Structure formats: structure tokens, C-alpha cells
């Protein structure tokens, strides 16, 4: 299937001595000594968040590096007399050295001719650590409540959720849309009506322990 315009989601790191770019790697006790030296190692500029060994704070948004098909579309089918909705196949891929949780964070627009619109993930190429489920973005002509729990858990670019575990889960998932139309106009057989929405995705980095989401 044809792939559409992609959005590369990445963030920059600007570090100085006090940004907390690293956790405590070494501690020394000064006993009976009235001075001590603290080593400061800072970074200025973007660090490589595709490398699992990069020294970034666990759970930081700076770990987020996700490629998403963002120009998506659906259409009704002639065979169903425009009652059924389907779409091409699109993709979400995690490029980061950490796993990522993907949330469905809401919809905007106005459903008019759509009664039901379902987003369907497909991890058949490489299974994810948890089986992804389809979700009704529109139900009975109304936007559904956004998901408070992750819709997807994607492994890092090495197939791991837990760093160094040797796991081999999917860091990528395909998705498409299916659904049903409603209130079809009388000229539906000759004129296509536009129905445009915005779906907001939210991303949260999964820490190296493979279970803690965010900071």
C-alpha cells in the first residue's frame, strides 16, 4: 500500500552541569577532609536517543523518537452502497533506544456522515509485548472518550522493552480504519462529501526497567 507523509517526532536536549543528564554513577565519602571535587560532565546539543546506552534521564521526553503516518484517510465502498468504511494501511514506528507508550488522546472535528470509525492495529509482522486492540474513535456518531491507558506499547529499536533483556518484540505496528456511515446524502453515488478530523496521539517513554512509563 502507498505510504503517506510521515512526521518525525524528536526532541532536543540542552544540557549544563545541573540538568541531571546522568544518575549517580560513583559516590565517595569525604571523612575528616574539608574539601572534595565533583566531576561535571555536560552535553550541549541533541544526544542520540536511538542508542540504548545514551546518558539521558529515564522516562524523559528526550527519549521519544517516533515516526508516524500522519496524512491518513478513509473512504466508503461502492460495493456496500457506501455503507462501509475502509482505508489504506498506515504505520507507527518507534526509533528510540527506549520503549514507548502510545495513547489515543482525543479527536476533534464534527462527525456528520460517519456513525462508527474504528482504528485497528496490526502487529502480525512482529508481535508486541501486549496484544494491541481496536478502538472506536467514533461510536453512534459521537467521538469516544479518549483512552487513559496506553493503546500501544512499542519496544525499542532493538526489540526490547527492558534494556539488555534480549527480548524480540515489535517496535512497529500497522493500522487502518474501518467503520459505518450514516445519514447518507441523496447524491452519494455521484458526489463525495468531505469528513475531516484530527486524532491526537500522546507518547511517553518507557524506562529501562521495561515497566515504568514516564518519569
N, C-alpha and C. Protein backbone atom coordinates (compact mmCIF):
# COMPACT_ATOMS: atom_id res chain seq x y z
N UNK A 1 0.84 -1.18 0.00
CA UNK A 1 0.00 0.00 0.00
C UNK A 1 0.89 1.26 0.00
N UNK A 2 0.36 2.29 -0.57
CA UNK A 2 1.12 3.53 -0.62
C UNK A 2 1.28 4.13 0.75
N UNK A 3 2.49 4.56 1.09
CA UNK A 3 2.73 5.22 2.35
C UNK A 3 2.56 6.72 2.18
N UNK A 4 2.07 7.38 3.20
CA UNK A 4 1.79 8.80 3.11
C UNK A 4 2.83 9.59 3.90
N UNK A 5 2.67 10.89 3.90
CA UNK A 5 3.53 11.82 4.59
C UNK A 5 3.82 11.38 6.02
N UNK A 6 5.06 11.43 6.43
CA UNK A 6 5.44 10.98 7.76
C UNK A 6 5.88 12.16 8.62
N UNK A 7 5.58 12.06 9.89
CA UNK A 7 6.00 13.05 10.87
C UNK A 7 7.06 12.40 11.74
N UNK A 8 8.25 13.04 11.83
CA UNK A 8 9.32 12.53 12.67
C UNK A 8 9.27 13.27 13.98
N UNK A 9 8.94 12.56 15.04
CA UNK A 9 8.78 13.18 16.35
C UNK A 9 10.07 13.01 17.13
N UNK A 10 10.76 14.09 17.43
CA UNK A 10 12.00 14.01 18.17
C UNK A 10 12.12 15.26 19.03
N UNK A 11 12.97 15.24 20.01
CA UNK A 11 13.17 16.39 20.87
C UNK A 11 14.65 16.67 21.03
N UNK A 12 14.97 17.90 21.47
CA UNK A 12 16.36 18.29 21.66
C UNK A 12 16.71 18.34 23.13
N UNK A 13 17.98 18.09 23.41
CA UNK A 13 18.48 18.17 24.77
C UNK A 13 19.47 19.32 24.83
N UNK A 14 19.28 20.24 25.78
CA UNK A 14 20.26 21.28 26.05
C UNK A 14 20.71 21.07 27.48
N UNK A 15 21.98 20.67 27.65
CA UNK A 15 22.42 20.28 28.98
C UNK A 15 23.50 21.19 29.53
N UNK A 16 23.44 21.45 30.83
CA UNK A 16 24.52 22.08 31.57
C UNK A 16 24.75 21.27 32.82
N UNK A 17 25.60 21.74 33.69
CA UNK A 17 26.02 20.94 34.83
C UNK A 17 24.87 20.46 35.70
N UNK A 18 23.79 21.23 35.78
CA UNK A 18 22.73 20.91 36.73
C UNK A 18 21.50 20.27 36.10
N UNK A 19 21.56 19.85 34.82
CA UNK A 19 20.36 19.33 34.17
C UNK A 19 20.03 17.91 34.57
N UNK A 20 20.92 17.19 35.23
CA UNK A 20 20.64 15.83 35.63
C UNK A 20 20.68 14.86 34.48
N UNK A 21 21.64 15.04 33.56
CA UNK A 21 21.75 14.16 32.41
C UNK A 21 22.17 12.75 32.80
N UNK A 22 22.72 12.59 33.99
CA UNK A 22 23.13 11.25 34.41
C UNK A 22 22.73 11.02 35.85
N UNK A 23 22.50 9.76 36.18
CA UNK A 23 22.27 9.41 37.57
C UNK A 23 23.63 9.24 38.25
N UNK A 24 23.63 9.08 39.57
CA UNK A 24 24.89 8.94 40.30
C UNK A 24 25.56 7.63 39.92
N UNK A 25 26.73 7.72 39.30
CA UNK A 25 27.46 6.53 38.89
C UNK A 25 28.54 6.17 39.91
N UNK A 26 28.94 7.15 40.75
CA UNK A 26 30.00 6.90 41.72
C UNK A 26 29.83 7.86 42.89
N UNK A 27 29.99 7.36 44.07
CA UNK A 27 29.91 8.20 45.28
C UNK A 27 31.17 7.99 46.10
N UNK A 28 31.62 9.05 46.72
CA UNK A 28 32.83 8.99 47.54
C UNK A 28 32.56 9.67 48.88
N UNK A 29 33.02 9.10 49.96
CA UNK A 29 32.84 9.67 51.29
C UNK A 29 34.08 10.46 51.68
N UNK A 30 33.89 11.72 52.02
CA UNK A 30 34.98 12.57 52.50
C UNK A 30 34.93 12.58 54.01
N UNK A 31 35.77 11.83 54.63
CA UNK A 31 35.76 11.63 56.09
C UNK A 31 36.99 12.28 56.69
N UNK A 32 36.78 13.37 57.44
CA UNK A 32 37.89 14.08 58.05
C UNK A 32 38.64 14.95 57.07
N UNK A 33 38.03 15.20 55.90
CA UNK A 33 38.66 16.04 54.86
C UNK A 33 37.73 17.21 54.61
N UNK A 34 38.25 18.43 54.54
CA UNK A 34 37.39 19.61 54.45
C UNK A 34 37.15 20.10 53.03
N UNK A 35 37.46 19.27 52.03
CA UNK A 35 37.14 19.65 50.66
C UNK A 35 36.98 18.39 49.80
N UNK A 36 36.32 18.56 48.69
CA UNK A 36 36.15 17.44 47.77
C UNK A 36 35.83 17.95 46.38
N UNK A 37 36.12 17.16 45.38
CA UNK A 37 35.87 17.55 44.00
C UNK A 37 34.75 16.71 43.40
N UNK A 38 33.87 17.37 42.66
CA UNK A 38 32.76 16.72 41.97
C UNK A 38 32.97 16.88 40.47
N UNK A 39 33.01 15.77 39.77
CA UNK A 39 33.17 15.81 38.32
C UNK A 39 31.85 16.20 37.66
N UNK A 40 31.92 17.12 36.71
CA UNK A 40 30.74 17.58 35.98
C UNK A 40 30.93 17.29 34.50
N UNK A 41 30.03 16.47 33.95
CA UNK A 41 30.09 16.14 32.53
C UNK A 41 28.79 16.56 31.87
N UNK A 42 28.83 17.66 31.13
CA UNK A 42 27.62 18.18 30.49
C UNK A 42 27.63 17.93 28.99
N UNK A 43 26.46 18.05 28.40
CA UNK A 43 26.31 17.93 26.95
C UNK A 43 25.48 19.09 26.45
N UNK A 44 25.95 19.70 25.36
CA UNK A 44 25.23 20.78 24.71
C UNK A 44 24.80 20.29 23.33
N UNK A 45 23.49 20.26 23.07
CA UNK A 45 23.02 19.78 21.78
C UNK A 45 22.31 18.44 21.92
N UNK A 46 21.77 17.97 20.82
CA UNK A 46 20.95 16.77 20.82
C UNK A 46 21.80 15.51 21.01
N UNK A 47 21.42 14.70 21.99
CA UNK A 47 22.06 13.41 22.19
C UNK A 47 21.35 12.35 21.34
N UNK A 48 22.02 11.24 21.10
CA UNK A 48 21.50 10.18 20.24
C UNK A 48 20.51 9.31 21.00
N UNK A 49 19.21 9.60 20.86
CA UNK A 49 18.21 8.83 21.60
C UNK A 49 17.88 7.49 20.94
N UNK A 50 18.55 7.16 19.84
CA UNK A 50 18.38 5.83 19.24
C UNK A 50 19.33 4.81 19.86
N UNK A 51 20.31 5.28 20.61
CA UNK A 51 21.30 4.42 21.27
C UNK A 51 20.83 4.11 22.69
N UNK A 52 20.55 2.83 23.02
CA UNK A 52 20.08 2.50 24.37
C UNK A 52 21.04 2.89 25.48
N UNK A 53 22.33 3.10 25.15
CA UNK A 53 23.33 3.45 26.16
C UNK A 53 23.49 4.95 26.35
N UNK A 54 22.77 5.76 25.57
CA UNK A 54 22.88 7.22 25.71
C UNK A 54 22.48 7.65 27.12
N UNK A 55 23.23 8.61 27.65
CA UNK A 55 23.06 9.04 29.03
C UNK A 55 21.99 10.13 29.12
N UNK A 56 20.71 9.68 29.02
CA UNK A 56 19.57 10.57 29.16
C UNK A 56 18.78 10.16 30.40
N UNK A 57 18.09 11.10 31.05
CA UNK A 57 17.28 10.74 32.22
C UNK A 57 16.18 9.74 31.83
N UNK A 58 16.01 8.70 32.61
CA UNK A 58 14.98 7.70 32.33
C UNK A 58 13.59 8.33 32.37
N UNK A 59 12.78 7.99 31.39
CA UNK A 59 11.43 8.49 31.31
C UNK A 59 11.30 9.86 30.69
N UNK A 60 12.41 10.49 30.35
CA UNK A 60 12.37 11.83 29.77
C UNK A 60 11.76 11.82 28.38
N UNK A 61 11.08 12.91 28.02
CA UNK A 61 10.57 13.06 26.66
C UNK A 61 11.70 13.08 25.63
N UNK A 62 12.92 13.35 26.08
CA UNK A 62 14.05 13.36 25.15
C UNK A 62 14.33 11.99 24.55
N UNK A 63 13.76 10.93 25.14
CA UNK A 63 13.87 9.58 24.58
C UNK A 63 12.87 9.37 23.45
N UNK A 64 11.87 10.21 23.31
CA UNK A 64 10.81 9.96 22.33
C UNK A 64 11.31 10.22 20.91
N UNK A 65 11.16 9.22 20.06
CA UNK A 65 11.58 9.31 18.66
C UNK A 65 10.69 8.35 17.87
N UNK A 66 9.56 8.85 17.41
CA UNK A 66 8.53 8.03 16.80
C UNK A 66 8.18 8.55 15.41
N UNK A 67 8.14 7.66 14.44
CA UNK A 67 7.73 8.02 13.09
C UNK A 67 6.30 7.58 12.86
N UNK A 68 5.45 8.51 12.45
CA UNK A 68 4.01 8.25 12.33
C UNK A 68 3.52 8.68 10.95
N UNK A 69 2.73 7.84 10.31
CA UNK A 69 1.99 8.28 9.12
C UNK A 69 0.91 9.23 9.59
N UNK A 70 1.00 10.48 9.18
CA UNK A 70 0.09 11.49 9.70
C UNK A 70 -0.94 11.98 8.68
N UNK A 71 -0.74 11.71 7.40
CA UNK A 71 -1.74 12.06 6.39
C UNK A 71 -2.53 10.80 6.06
N UNK A 72 -3.55 10.52 6.87
CA UNK A 72 -4.33 9.30 6.71
C UNK A 72 -5.72 9.64 6.16
N UNK A 73 -6.40 8.63 5.62
CA UNK A 73 -7.71 8.87 5.01
C UNK A 73 -8.55 7.60 5.07
N UNK A 74 -9.86 7.79 4.97
CA UNK A 74 -10.77 6.64 4.84
C UNK A 74 -11.78 6.96 3.75
N UNK A 75 -12.50 5.95 3.30
CA UNK A 75 -13.50 6.15 2.25
C UNK A 75 -14.59 5.08 2.39
N UNK A 76 -15.74 5.36 1.83
CA UNK A 76 -16.79 4.34 1.78
C UNK A 76 -16.62 3.52 0.50
N UNK A 77 -17.20 2.33 0.50
CA UNK A 77 -17.00 1.43 -0.63
C UNK A 77 -18.24 1.38 -1.53
N UNK A 78 -17.99 1.31 -2.82
CA UNK A 78 -19.08 1.23 -3.80
C UNK A 78 -19.88 -0.06 -3.59
N UNK A 79 -19.14 -1.16 -3.32
CA UNK A 79 -19.80 -2.46 -3.18
C UNK A 79 -20.82 -2.49 -2.05
N UNK A 80 -20.62 -1.68 -1.03
CA UNK A 80 -21.55 -1.64 0.11
C UNK A 80 -22.58 -0.53 -0.02
N UNK A 81 -22.65 0.08 -1.22
CA UNK A 81 -23.52 1.25 -1.40
C UNK A 81 -23.15 2.37 -0.43
N UNK A 82 -21.85 2.44 -0.16
CA UNK A 82 -21.27 3.49 0.69
C UNK A 82 -21.69 3.39 2.15
N UNK A 83 -22.07 2.19 2.56
CA UNK A 83 -22.41 1.96 3.97
C UNK A 83 -21.17 1.61 4.79
N UNK A 84 -20.18 0.96 4.17
CA UNK A 84 -18.99 0.51 4.89
C UNK A 84 -17.81 1.45 4.63
N UNK A 85 -17.00 1.62 5.67
CA UNK A 85 -15.80 2.47 5.61
C UNK A 85 -14.56 1.59 5.69
N UNK A 86 -13.57 1.92 4.87
CA UNK A 86 -12.28 1.24 4.95
C UNK A 86 -11.18 2.24 4.61
N UNK A 87 -9.93 1.79 4.72
CA UNK A 87 -8.81 2.70 4.45
C UNK A 87 -7.59 1.91 3.98
N UNK A 88 -6.57 2.66 3.59
CA UNK A 88 -5.26 2.07 3.33
C UNK A 88 -4.60 1.69 4.65
N UNK A 89 -3.42 1.14 4.59
CA UNK A 89 -2.66 0.73 5.77
C UNK A 89 -1.61 1.80 6.08
N UNK A 90 -1.51 2.17 7.36
CA UNK A 90 -0.56 3.18 7.80
C UNK A 90 0.34 2.57 8.89
N UNK A 91 1.27 3.35 9.42
CA UNK A 91 2.27 2.77 10.31
C UNK A 91 2.72 3.74 11.40
N UNK A 92 3.08 3.16 12.55
CA UNK A 92 3.76 3.86 13.64
C UNK A 92 5.01 3.05 13.99
N UNK A 93 6.18 3.69 14.02
CA UNK A 93 7.43 3.01 14.33
C UNK A 93 8.20 3.76 15.41
N UNK A 94 8.67 3.03 16.41
CA UNK A 94 9.50 3.60 17.46
C UNK A 94 10.97 3.44 17.08
N UNK A 95 11.68 4.57 16.94
CA UNK A 95 13.10 4.56 16.58
C UNK A 95 14.01 4.68 17.79
N UNK A 96 13.44 4.83 18.96
CA UNK A 96 14.20 5.17 20.17
C UNK A 96 14.92 3.98 20.77
N UNK A 97 15.91 4.29 21.59
CA UNK A 97 16.59 3.27 22.38
C UNK A 97 15.82 2.86 23.61
N UNK A 98 14.64 3.44 23.81
CA UNK A 98 13.73 3.06 24.89
C UNK A 98 12.36 2.74 24.28
N UNK A 99 11.61 1.88 24.95
CA UNK A 99 10.25 1.60 24.53
C UNK A 99 9.39 2.84 24.65
N UNK A 100 8.23 2.81 24.01
CA UNK A 100 7.34 3.97 24.07
C UNK A 100 5.89 3.50 24.23
N UNK A 101 5.16 4.22 25.05
CA UNK A 101 3.71 4.01 25.19
C UNK A 101 3.01 5.03 24.31
N UNK A 102 2.04 4.55 23.53
CA UNK A 102 1.28 5.41 22.63
C UNK A 102 -0.17 5.48 23.13
N UNK A 103 -0.65 6.70 23.34
CA UNK A 103 -2.01 6.92 23.83
C UNK A 103 -2.87 7.55 22.73
N UNK A 104 -4.15 7.19 22.69
CA UNK A 104 -5.12 7.89 21.88
C UNK A 104 -5.68 9.01 22.74
N UNK A 105 -5.28 10.25 22.44
CA UNK A 105 -5.50 11.35 23.37
C UNK A 105 -6.64 12.28 22.96
N UNK A 106 -7.46 11.85 22.02
CA UNK A 106 -8.63 12.66 21.71
C UNK A 106 -8.80 12.93 20.22
N UNK A 107 -10.00 13.34 19.86
CA UNK A 107 -10.38 13.65 18.49
C UNK A 107 -11.02 15.03 18.43
N UNK A 108 -10.86 15.68 17.28
CA UNK A 108 -11.55 16.94 17.05
C UNK A 108 -12.13 16.93 15.64
N UNK A 109 -13.15 17.73 15.43
CA UNK A 109 -13.87 17.75 14.17
C UNK A 109 -15.35 17.54 14.44
N UNK A 110 -16.11 17.26 13.40
CA UNK A 110 -17.55 17.04 13.57
C UNK A 110 -18.02 15.88 12.71
N UNK A 111 -18.33 14.73 13.32
CA UNK A 111 -18.89 13.63 12.54
C UNK A 111 -20.26 14.00 11.98
N UNK A 112 -20.44 13.81 10.69
CA UNK A 112 -21.72 14.07 10.05
C UNK A 112 -22.24 12.81 9.37
N UNK A 113 -21.42 12.26 8.50
CA UNK A 113 -21.82 11.08 7.74
C UNK A 113 -21.22 9.79 8.28
N UNK A 114 -20.50 9.88 9.39
CA UNK A 114 -19.84 8.70 9.97
C UNK A 114 -20.54 8.32 11.27
N UNK A 115 -21.00 7.09 11.33
CA UNK A 115 -21.63 6.56 12.53
C UNK A 115 -20.61 5.88 13.42
N UNK A 116 -19.68 5.15 12.81
CA UNK A 116 -18.65 4.42 13.56
C UNK A 116 -17.34 4.49 12.79
N UNK A 117 -16.26 4.78 13.51
CA UNK A 117 -14.92 4.76 12.92
C UNK A 117 -13.99 4.09 13.92
N UNK A 118 -13.40 2.99 13.49
CA UNK A 118 -12.54 2.18 14.36
C UNK A 118 -11.11 2.19 13.85
N UNK A 119 -10.16 2.39 14.75
CA UNK A 119 -8.75 2.29 14.40
C UNK A 119 -8.27 0.89 14.80
N UNK A 120 -7.68 0.19 13.83
CA UNK A 120 -7.32 -1.22 14.01
C UNK A 120 -5.82 -1.41 13.88
N UNK A 121 -5.12 -1.74 14.98
CA UNK A 121 -3.69 -2.02 14.89
C UNK A 121 -3.44 -3.46 14.42
N UNK A 122 -2.34 -3.66 13.73
CA UNK A 122 -1.99 -4.98 13.21
C UNK A 122 -0.50 -5.24 13.49
N UNK A 123 -0.23 -6.12 14.46
CA UNK A 123 1.17 -6.43 14.81
C UNK A 123 1.59 -7.79 14.27
N UNK A 124 0.98 -8.24 13.17
CA UNK A 124 1.26 -9.58 12.66
C UNK A 124 2.69 -9.73 12.13
N UNK A 125 3.33 -8.63 11.75
CA UNK A 125 4.71 -8.72 11.26
C UNK A 125 5.66 -9.13 12.38
N UNK A 126 5.48 -8.55 13.54
CA UNK A 126 6.23 -8.92 14.75
C UNK A 126 5.38 -8.56 15.95
N UNK A 127 4.95 -9.54 16.75
CA UNK A 127 4.04 -9.26 17.87
C UNK A 127 4.63 -8.28 18.88
N UNK A 128 3.75 -7.45 19.43
CA UNK A 128 4.14 -6.56 20.51
C UNK A 128 4.07 -7.32 21.83
N UNK A 129 4.59 -6.72 22.90
CA UNK A 129 4.62 -7.41 24.19
C UNK A 129 3.21 -7.61 24.73
N UNK A 130 2.29 -6.71 24.42
CA UNK A 130 0.88 -6.90 24.72
C UNK A 130 0.09 -6.79 23.42
N UNK A 131 -0.92 -7.60 23.28
CA UNK A 131 -1.70 -7.61 22.04
C UNK A 131 -2.47 -6.30 21.89
N UNK A 132 -2.25 -5.55 20.82
CA UNK A 132 -2.98 -4.29 20.64
C UNK A 132 -4.44 -4.56 20.29
N UNK A 133 -5.31 -3.64 20.66
CA UNK A 133 -6.74 -3.83 20.42
C UNK A 133 -7.29 -2.69 19.58
N UNK A 134 -8.33 -3.00 18.81
CA UNK A 134 -9.02 -1.98 18.05
C UNK A 134 -9.80 -1.07 19.00
N UNK A 135 -10.00 0.18 18.57
CA UNK A 135 -10.70 1.15 19.41
C UNK A 135 -11.62 2.00 18.55
N UNK A 136 -12.86 2.18 19.00
CA UNK A 136 -13.82 3.01 18.29
C UNK A 136 -13.54 4.49 18.56
N UNK A 137 -13.01 5.17 17.56
CA UNK A 137 -12.79 6.61 17.68
C UNK A 137 -14.11 7.36 17.64
N UNK A 138 -15.05 6.83 16.85
CA UNK A 138 -16.41 7.37 16.77
C UNK A 138 -17.39 6.23 17.01
N UNK A 139 -18.36 6.45 17.85
CA UNK A 139 -19.39 5.45 18.14
C UNK A 139 -20.74 6.15 18.18
N UNK A 140 -21.71 5.62 17.44
CA UNK A 140 -23.04 6.23 17.35
C UNK A 140 -22.98 7.70 16.95
N UNK A 141 -22.05 8.00 16.05
CA UNK A 141 -21.95 9.36 15.53
C UNK A 141 -21.30 10.36 16.46
N UNK A 142 -20.73 9.89 17.57
CA UNK A 142 -20.08 10.78 18.54
C UNK A 142 -18.66 10.31 18.81
N UNK A 143 -17.76 11.26 19.09
CA UNK A 143 -16.40 10.89 19.45
C UNK A 143 -16.39 10.12 20.76
N UNK A 144 -15.59 9.08 20.82
CA UNK A 144 -15.47 8.28 22.03
C UNK A 144 -14.56 8.97 23.05
N UNK A 145 -14.72 8.59 24.31
CA UNK A 145 -13.82 9.09 25.36
C UNK A 145 -12.41 8.63 25.07
N UNK A 146 -11.44 9.52 25.23
CA UNK A 146 -10.06 9.15 24.95
C UNK A 146 -9.59 8.09 25.93
N UNK A 147 -8.63 7.28 25.49
CA UNK A 147 -8.09 6.20 26.32
C UNK A 147 -7.13 6.74 27.36
N UNK A 148 -7.37 6.41 28.63
CA UNK A 148 -6.47 6.84 29.71
C UNK A 148 -5.26 5.91 29.81
N UNK A 149 -5.41 4.68 29.34
CA UNK A 149 -4.32 3.70 29.37
C UNK A 149 -3.67 3.63 27.99
N UNK A 150 -2.43 3.13 27.91
CA UNK A 150 -1.77 3.08 26.61
C UNK A 150 -2.53 2.21 25.60
N UNK A 151 -2.64 2.73 24.38
CA UNK A 151 -3.22 1.96 23.29
C UNK A 151 -2.20 0.96 22.76
N UNK A 152 -0.94 1.39 22.69
CA UNK A 152 0.15 0.54 22.21
C UNK A 152 1.35 0.64 23.14
N UNK A 153 2.07 -0.46 23.29
CA UNK A 153 3.39 -0.46 23.91
C UNK A 153 4.36 -0.97 22.86
N UNK A 154 5.24 -0.09 22.39
CA UNK A 154 6.20 -0.47 21.35
C UNK A 154 7.58 -0.66 21.97
N UNK A 155 8.23 -1.74 21.59
CA UNK A 155 9.60 -1.99 22.06
C UNK A 155 10.55 -0.94 21.47
N UNK A 156 11.78 -0.93 21.98
CA UNK A 156 12.76 -0.01 21.40
C UNK A 156 13.25 -0.55 20.05
N UNK A 157 14.20 0.14 19.45
CA UNK A 157 14.64 -0.24 18.11
C UNK A 157 15.43 -1.55 18.06
N UNK A 158 15.67 -2.14 19.24
CA UNK A 158 16.32 -3.45 19.31
C UNK A 158 15.32 -4.55 19.68
N UNK A 159 14.05 -4.21 19.80
CA UNK A 159 13.02 -5.18 20.14
C UNK A 159 12.85 -5.40 21.63
N UNK A 160 13.47 -4.54 22.44
CA UNK A 160 13.42 -4.72 23.89
C UNK A 160 12.53 -3.65 24.55
N UNK A 161 11.78 -4.06 25.57
CA UNK A 161 11.17 -3.10 26.48
C UNK A 161 12.07 -2.91 27.69
N UNK A 162 12.60 -4.00 28.21
CA UNK A 162 13.57 -3.94 29.30
C UNK A 162 14.96 -3.97 28.73
N UNK A 163 15.75 -2.97 29.04
CA UNK A 163 17.09 -2.84 28.50
C UNK A 163 17.95 -4.05 28.82
N UNK A 164 18.60 -4.60 27.79
CA UNK A 164 19.51 -5.72 27.98
C UNK A 164 18.86 -7.06 28.17
N UNK A 165 17.53 -7.13 27.98
CA UNK A 165 16.80 -8.38 28.24
C UNK A 165 16.93 -9.40 27.12
N UNK A 166 17.32 -8.94 25.93
CA UNK A 166 17.38 -9.84 24.80
C UNK A 166 16.01 -10.16 24.21
N UNK A 167 14.98 -9.40 24.60
CA UNK A 167 13.64 -9.60 24.07
C UNK A 167 13.61 -9.30 22.58
N UNK A 168 12.60 -9.81 21.91
CA UNK A 168 12.47 -9.57 20.48
C UNK A 168 11.01 -9.26 20.14
N UNK A 169 10.53 -8.13 20.64
CA UNK A 169 9.17 -7.70 20.38
C UNK A 169 9.16 -6.64 19.28
N UNK A 170 7.97 -6.31 18.79
CA UNK A 170 7.84 -5.34 17.72
C UNK A 170 8.01 -3.92 18.20
N UNK A 171 8.73 -3.13 17.41
CA UNK A 171 8.82 -1.69 17.66
C UNK A 171 7.99 -0.92 16.65
N UNK A 172 7.21 -1.66 15.84
CA UNK A 172 6.44 -1.05 14.77
C UNK A 172 5.08 -1.72 14.66
N UNK A 173 4.07 -0.96 14.28
CA UNK A 173 2.73 -1.52 14.12
C UNK A 173 2.03 -0.82 12.96
N UNK A 174 1.33 -1.58 12.14
CA UNK A 174 0.48 -1.02 11.09
C UNK A 174 -0.91 -0.76 11.66
N UNK A 175 -1.64 0.13 11.01
CA UNK A 175 -3.03 0.36 11.43
C UNK A 175 -3.87 0.81 10.23
N UNK A 176 -5.17 0.59 10.34
CA UNK A 176 -6.10 1.08 9.33
C UNK A 176 -7.41 1.48 10.01
N UNK A 177 -8.33 1.99 9.21
CA UNK A 177 -9.64 2.39 9.71
C UNK A 177 -10.73 1.54 9.06
N UNK A 178 -11.74 1.20 9.85
CA UNK A 178 -12.97 0.59 9.34
C UNK A 178 -14.14 1.30 10.01
N UNK A 179 -15.34 1.10 9.47
CA UNK A 179 -16.48 1.74 10.12
C UNK A 179 -17.75 1.66 9.30
N UNK A 180 -18.71 2.47 9.73
CA UNK A 180 -20.03 2.52 9.10
C UNK A 180 -20.44 3.98 8.90
N UNK A 181 -21.16 4.22 7.81
CA UNK A 181 -21.65 5.57 7.53
C UNK A 181 -23.06 5.75 8.08
N UNK A 182 -23.55 6.99 8.03
CA UNK A 182 -24.91 7.31 8.46
C UNK A 182 -25.40 8.53 7.67
N UNK A 183 -26.71 8.72 7.65
CA UNK A 183 -27.31 9.94 7.07
C UNK A 183 -26.76 10.27 5.69
N UNK A 184 -26.66 9.25 4.84
CA UNK A 184 -26.06 9.46 3.52
C UNK A 184 -26.86 10.48 2.71
N UNK A 185 -26.16 11.40 2.04
CA UNK A 185 -26.87 12.37 1.18
C UNK A 185 -27.43 11.68 -0.06
N UNK A 186 -28.39 12.33 -0.70
CA UNK A 186 -29.06 11.71 -1.85
C UNK A 186 -28.14 11.57 -3.06
N UNK A 187 -27.11 12.41 -3.14
CA UNK A 187 -26.19 12.35 -4.29
C UNK A 187 -24.92 11.58 -3.98
N UNK A 188 -24.98 10.66 -3.00
CA UNK A 188 -23.79 9.94 -2.57
C UNK A 188 -23.15 9.14 -3.69
N UNK A 189 -23.94 8.72 -4.69
CA UNK A 189 -23.40 7.92 -5.78
C UNK A 189 -22.61 8.73 -6.80
N UNK A 190 -22.73 10.04 -6.74
CA UNK A 190 -22.05 10.88 -7.73
C UNK A 190 -21.12 11.93 -7.14
N UNK A 191 -21.32 12.27 -5.86
CA UNK A 191 -20.51 13.32 -5.23
C UNK A 191 -19.96 12.84 -3.90
N UNK A 192 -18.66 13.04 -3.69
CA UNK A 192 -18.03 12.65 -2.42
C UNK A 192 -18.06 13.83 -1.45
N UNK A 193 -18.47 13.58 -0.24
CA UNK A 193 -18.52 14.59 0.81
C UNK A 193 -17.29 14.45 1.71
N UNK A 194 -16.72 15.58 2.10
CA UNK A 194 -15.54 15.55 2.98
C UNK A 194 -15.96 15.37 4.43
N UNK A 195 -15.15 14.60 5.14
CA UNK A 195 -15.35 14.40 6.58
C UNK A 195 -13.95 14.41 7.20
N UNK A 196 -13.59 15.49 7.89
CA UNK A 196 -12.21 15.68 8.32
C UNK A 196 -12.11 15.79 9.85
N UNK A 197 -11.18 15.04 10.41
CA UNK A 197 -10.95 15.06 11.86
C UNK A 197 -9.45 15.19 12.14
N UNK A 198 -9.15 15.44 13.39
CA UNK A 198 -7.78 15.39 13.90
C UNK A 198 -7.74 14.39 15.06
N UNK A 199 -6.85 13.41 14.94
CA UNK A 199 -6.60 12.45 16.02
C UNK A 199 -5.29 12.83 16.70
N UNK A 200 -5.34 13.02 18.00
CA UNK A 200 -4.14 13.38 18.76
C UNK A 200 -3.55 12.12 19.41
N UNK A 201 -2.29 11.87 19.11
CA UNK A 201 -1.54 10.79 19.75
C UNK A 201 -0.63 11.40 20.81
N UNK A 202 -0.51 10.73 21.94
CA UNK A 202 0.40 11.15 23.00
C UNK A 202 1.43 10.06 23.20
N UNK A 203 2.70 10.45 23.37
CA UNK A 203 3.77 9.48 23.54
C UNK A 203 4.42 9.65 24.92
N UNK A 204 4.80 8.53 25.53
CA UNK A 204 5.51 8.56 26.81
C UNK A 204 6.61 7.51 26.77
N UNK A 205 7.80 7.91 27.13
CA UNK A 205 8.93 6.98 27.14
C UNK A 205 8.79 5.95 28.25
N UNK A 206 9.21 4.72 27.96
CA UNK A 206 9.22 3.65 28.96
C UNK A 206 10.64 3.51 29.48
N UNK A 207 10.79 3.52 30.78
CA UNK A 207 12.13 3.47 31.38
C UNK A 207 12.83 2.14 31.09
N UNK A 208 14.12 2.10 31.36
CA UNK A 208 14.94 0.93 31.05
C UNK A 208 14.49 -0.34 31.77
N UNK A 209 13.71 -0.18 32.86
CA UNK A 209 13.22 -1.36 33.57
C UNK A 209 12.10 -2.06 32.80
N UNK A 210 11.61 -1.43 31.73
CA UNK A 210 10.60 -2.05 30.88
C UNK A 210 9.19 -1.94 31.39
N UNK A 211 8.97 -1.28 32.52
CA UNK A 211 7.61 -1.22 33.08
C UNK A 211 7.20 0.20 33.51
N UNK A 212 8.13 1.03 33.91
CA UNK A 212 7.79 2.37 34.37
C UNK A 212 7.61 3.31 33.19
N UNK A 213 6.40 3.89 33.09
CA UNK A 213 6.10 4.79 31.99
C UNK A 213 6.30 6.23 32.44
N UNK A 214 7.09 6.98 31.70
CA UNK A 214 7.36 8.38 32.03
C UNK A 214 8.31 8.51 33.20
N UNK A 215 8.38 9.71 33.74
CA UNK A 215 9.34 9.98 34.82
C UNK A 215 8.74 9.66 36.19
